[in-house]
Structure formats: C-alpha cells, structure tokens
Amino acid sequence: MFHTSEKLAVLIDGHALNAFAYGLGMKIDYRKLKVQFARSSKLTSIKYYAGVDFSRGENPYVKLLDWLDYNGYRVHIKEARSFVNGDGERNVKGSVIVDLSIDLVLVARHVDHVVLVSAHGDLTYPILQAKRLGARVTLLSSLNAEGVRPADELRQVADEFIELETLRDELSISEHARTVSE
C-alpha cells in the first residue's frame, strides 16, 4: 500500500476526521498519525483543514489547531460564519472543501501518493484530476462510524480505501493515557 521511497502528502478534512473518530468511539493521537505516515513513506506534507467559529469565545478546537501547527502540520483555517435561520436556530457555515480540492490537485504534481481523509462527494472530480496528474490517491475514511459515511463515489474513484477503524491501535490515544490526562 505505502512504499518507503514514494513522496506522500496527507490532506485531512478536520471535520470529517473528527466525525469518524467520534462515530467509532476513538480519540485520535495526532502525533501518532503523523509518525505513522512518516514511517511508511517520504512524508512531504501533512495538512489539516478546519472551519472555525471564532464567535464562540473559548474554543477547545483552536487549541488543537495551535498544537497541530506547532507540531509540523500545516493548518488551513477558514472562518465559519454564524447566522440565525428562519426558525431562530443558530447555524454555522464554513466549508473547507473547495480549498482542499484545489490543494489536492496542486499537490498531485509534486508527490507520488496522496492520502485524503474526507467523506465529501464533491472531492470526486479533484481525485480524478490528481490521478490524471500521476498521483495515487488513498481515501482514509470509515464505513463503520456511526452518523457519518464517505460518499460512495469517493471510494469508487480512489485507488485504495483504508478503514479508519483498522488503525485504531496505531492512531488512537490509549484508554490509560486518556484516563491519566482527564
């Protein structure tokens, strides 16, 4: 699946990864995630895309993004917009899919392999373009997570599919570490 001689880029849709992990009852250890890919290939970049609602005041997600940025991840933040809909409910809008799509095609020119963490069907065409440029594309996602599933067309166009749950032991924070830190 991975070759130690190939140049690899990892693009992570933060919302999707968090939804998959939550649906699987996992807590991702981002240090382990980066090490896992660096060990299996020549990791050229690992980028995390996040939509953030800064109007919430104290936001623990911002702390994670700061940690990622400090620890070798390239973090792309898109400010989410809050609005009240017709029913008086507060909604937040701030998708990073267009940004991720552009980067997927741009990075495909410089690497042999791209790992994409996402569920969004709108990434189908950018995956096809990345493959046309010569990069293999692996989708890291989950069919077993409760509440979220990757679009079928994503799995169909990707060269390979990795079920996140199969990496539970390699990527999740252990129960012991979780209870000690809480």
Protein backbone atom coordinates (compact mmCIF):
# COMPACT_ATOMS: atom_id res chain seq x y z
CA MET A 1 0.00 0.00 0.00
CA PHE A 2 2.70 2.51 1.01
CA HIS A 3 6.25 2.48 -0.29
CA THR A 4 9.11 3.96 1.72
CA SER A 5 10.57 5.53 -1.43
CA GLU A 6 7.43 7.40 -2.52
CA LYS A 7 6.71 11.04 -1.75
CA LEU A 8 3.47 11.31 0.23
CA ALA A 9 1.13 14.17 1.08
CA VAL A 10 -1.70 13.80 3.60
CA LEU A 11 -4.73 16.10 3.37
CA ILE A 12 -7.15 15.97 6.29
CA ASP A 13 -10.68 17.34 6.34
CA GLY A 14 -10.71 18.01 10.09
CA HIS A 15 -14.49 17.94 10.41
CA ALA A 16 -14.69 14.54 8.70
CA LEU A 17 -11.85 13.02 10.75
CA ASN A 18 -13.43 14.22 13.98
CA ALA A 19 -16.82 12.84 12.93
CA PHE A 20 -15.33 9.45 12.01
CA ALA A 21 -13.35 9.23 15.24
CA TYR A 22 -16.38 10.22 17.32
CA GLY A 23 -18.57 7.71 15.46
CA LEU A 24 -16.02 4.97 16.18
CA GLY A 25 -15.51 5.97 19.82
CA MET A 26 -11.88 6.86 19.13
CA LYS A 27 -9.76 9.80 20.16
CA ILE A 28 -7.06 10.46 17.55
CA ASP A 29 -3.46 10.87 18.68
CA TYR A 30 -2.22 13.33 16.06
CA ARG A 31 1.43 12.72 16.92
CA LYS A 32 0.95 9.01 16.16
CA LEU A 33 -0.94 9.85 12.96
CA LYS A 34 1.94 11.90 11.61
CA VAL A 35 4.56 9.34 12.68
CA GLN A 36 2.58 6.51 11.05
CA PHE A 37 2.71 8.19 7.65
CA ALA A 38 6.31 9.40 8.03
CA ARG A 39 7.41 5.86 8.88
CA SER A 40 5.77 4.32 5.81
CA SER A 41 6.92 6.83 3.17
CA LYS A 42 8.68 10.12 2.47
CA LEU A 43 6.10 12.41 4.03
CA THR A 44 6.38 15.76 2.25
CA SER A 45 3.43 17.47 3.92
CA ILE A 46 0.54 16.85 6.22
CA LYS A 47 -2.20 19.47 6.13
CA TYR A 48 -5.26 19.85 8.34
CA TYR A 49 -8.27 21.85 7.08
CA ALA A 50 -10.67 23.34 9.61
CA GLY A 51 -13.69 25.59 9.63
CA VAL A 52 -13.71 27.51 12.92
CA ASP A 53 -16.41 29.61 14.53
CA PHE A 54 -14.38 32.23 16.39
CA SER A 55 -17.54 33.85 17.79
CA ARG A 56 -17.93 31.00 20.30
CA GLY A 57 -15.42 32.57 22.70
CA GLU A 58 -13.28 29.89 24.35
CA ASN A 59 -12.98 27.19 21.70
CA PRO A 60 -11.06 23.98 22.53
CA TYR A 61 -10.77 23.22 18.80
CA VAL A 62 -8.49 26.26 18.41
CA LYS A 63 -6.13 24.73 20.99
CA LEU A 64 -5.90 21.57 18.87
CA LEU A 65 -5.19 23.64 15.75
CA ASP A 66 -2.44 25.52 17.58
CA TRP A 67 -0.91 22.22 18.72
CA LEU A 68 -1.05 20.81 15.18
CA ASP A 69 0.59 23.93 13.74
CA TYR A 70 3.35 23.80 16.34
CA ASN A 71 3.95 20.09 15.71
CA GLY A 72 4.56 20.02 11.97
CA TYR A 73 1.08 20.08 10.50
CA ARG A 74 0.19 22.80 8.04
CA VAL A 75 -3.12 24.14 9.30
CA HIS A 76 -5.59 25.80 6.97
CA ILE A 77 -8.35 27.64 8.83
CA LYS A 78 -11.46 29.01 7.22
CA GLU A 79 -13.51 31.26 9.44
CA ALA A 80 -17.04 29.99 9.80
CA ARG A 81 -19.93 32.41 9.56
CA SER A 82 -22.72 32.27 12.12
CA PHE A 83 -26.27 33.19 11.23
CA VAL A 84 -29.76 32.68 12.56
CA ASN A 85 -32.09 30.85 10.20
CA GLY A 86 -35.82 31.50 9.72
CA ASP A 87 -36.70 29.23 12.66
CA GLY A 88 -34.49 31.23 15.01
CA GLU A 89 -31.84 28.49 15.19
CA ARG A 90 -28.16 29.43 15.09
CA ASN A 91 -26.30 27.82 12.16
CA VAL A 92 -22.64 27.87 11.26
CA LYS A 93 -21.36 27.76 7.68
CA GLY A 94 -17.71 27.38 6.72
CA SER A 95 -16.73 24.56 4.41
CA VAL A 96 -13.11 23.87 3.52
CA ILE A 97 -13.91 21.50 0.64
CA VAL A 98 -13.10 23.98 -2.14
CA ASP A 99 -9.74 24.82 -0.51
CA LEU A 100 -8.93 21.14 -0.02
CA SER A 101 -9.93 20.38 -3.64
CA ILE A 102 -7.55 22.97 -5.03
CA ASP A 103 -4.68 21.77 -2.85
CA LEU A 104 -5.35 18.15 -3.80
CA VAL A 105 -4.82 18.93 -7.48
CA LEU A 106 -1.85 21.22 -6.84
CA VAL A 107 -0.01 18.75 -4.60
CA ALA A 108 -0.58 15.87 -7.04
CA ARG A 109 2.03 17.41 -9.34
CA HIS A 110 4.75 17.05 -6.68
CA VAL A 111 4.10 13.70 -4.96
CA ASP A 112 3.62 10.06 -5.83
CA HIS A 113 0.79 9.41 -3.39
CA VAL A 114 -1.90 11.44 -1.63
CA VAL A 115 -3.83 10.24 1.40
CA LEU A 116 -7.13 12.05 1.66
CA VAL A 117 -9.16 11.99 4.86
CA SER A 118 -12.70 13.02 4.00
CA ALA A 119 -16.25 11.93 3.28
CA HIS A 120 -17.38 14.65 0.91
CA GLY A 121 -18.56 13.56 -2.54
CA ASP A 122 -17.55 16.90 -4.07
CA LEU A 123 -13.94 15.68 -3.89
CA THR A 124 -14.59 13.05 -6.57
CA TYR A 125 -13.57 15.23 -9.51
CA PRO A 126 -10.41 16.59 -7.80
CA ILE A 127 -9.39 12.99 -7.03
CA LEU A 128 -9.77 12.10 -10.70
CA GLN A 129 -7.66 15.11 -11.67
CA ALA A 130 -4.95 14.22 -9.12
CA LYS A 131 -4.82 10.72 -10.56
CA ARG A 132 -4.63 12.14 -14.10
CA LEU A 133 -1.56 14.07 -12.95
CA GLY A 134 0.06 10.81 -11.86
CA ALA A 135 -0.57 10.62 -8.11
CA ARG A 136 -2.12 7.61 -6.44
CA VAL A 137 -4.95 8.60 -4.12
CA THR A 138 -5.88 6.66 -0.99
CA LEU A 139 -9.05 7.50 0.90
CA LEU A 140 -8.81 7.16 4.68
CA SER A 141 -12.35 7.14 5.95
CA SER A 142 -14.84 4.90 7.71
CA LEU A 143 -17.81 2.79 6.75
CA ASN A 144 -18.25 1.70 10.38
CA ALA A 145 -18.56 5.06 12.12
CA GLU A 146 -21.99 5.91 13.46
CA GLY A 147 -23.58 9.00 11.95
CA VAL A 148 -21.24 9.60 9.01
CA ARG A 149 -20.21 7.73 5.87
CA PRO A 150 -17.99 8.62 2.94
CA ALA A 151 -19.74 9.23 -0.35
CA ASP A 152 -19.80 6.04 -2.43
CA GLU A 153 -18.30 7.81 -5.44
CA LEU A 154 -15.22 8.75 -3.36
CA ARG A 155 -14.47 5.12 -2.65
CA GLN A 156 -15.07 4.23 -6.29
CA VAL A 157 -12.56 6.72 -7.70
CA ALA A 158 -9.84 6.36 -5.05
CA ASP A 159 -7.06 3.90 -5.80
CA GLU A 160 -7.29 2.44 -2.31
CA PHE A 161 -9.52 2.70 0.74
CA ILE A 162 -8.35 2.44 4.33
CA GLU A 163 -10.93 1.87 7.05
CA LEU A 164 -10.02 4.16 9.97
CA GLU A 165 -11.18 1.55 12.48
CA THR A 166 -8.44 -0.85 11.32
CA LEU A 167 -5.88 1.72 12.52
CA ARG A 168 -7.42 2.09 15.99
CA ASP A 169 -4.41 0.58 17.78
CA GLU A 170 -1.90 2.65 15.79
CA LEU A 171 -3.69 6.01 15.90
CA SER A 172 -5.85 6.33 18.97
CA ILE A 173 -4.99 7.58 22.41
CA SER A 174 -4.89 4.60 24.74
CA GLU A 175 -7.51 4.32 27.48
CA HIS A 176 -4.73 4.54 30.10
CA ALA A 177 -3.39 7.79 28.66
CA ARG A 178 -6.93 9.13 28.31
CA THR A 179 -7.82 8.50 31.97
CA VAL A 180 -4.50 9.90 33.23
CA SER A 181 -4.95 13.14 31.26
CA GLU A 182 -8.61 13.67 32.17
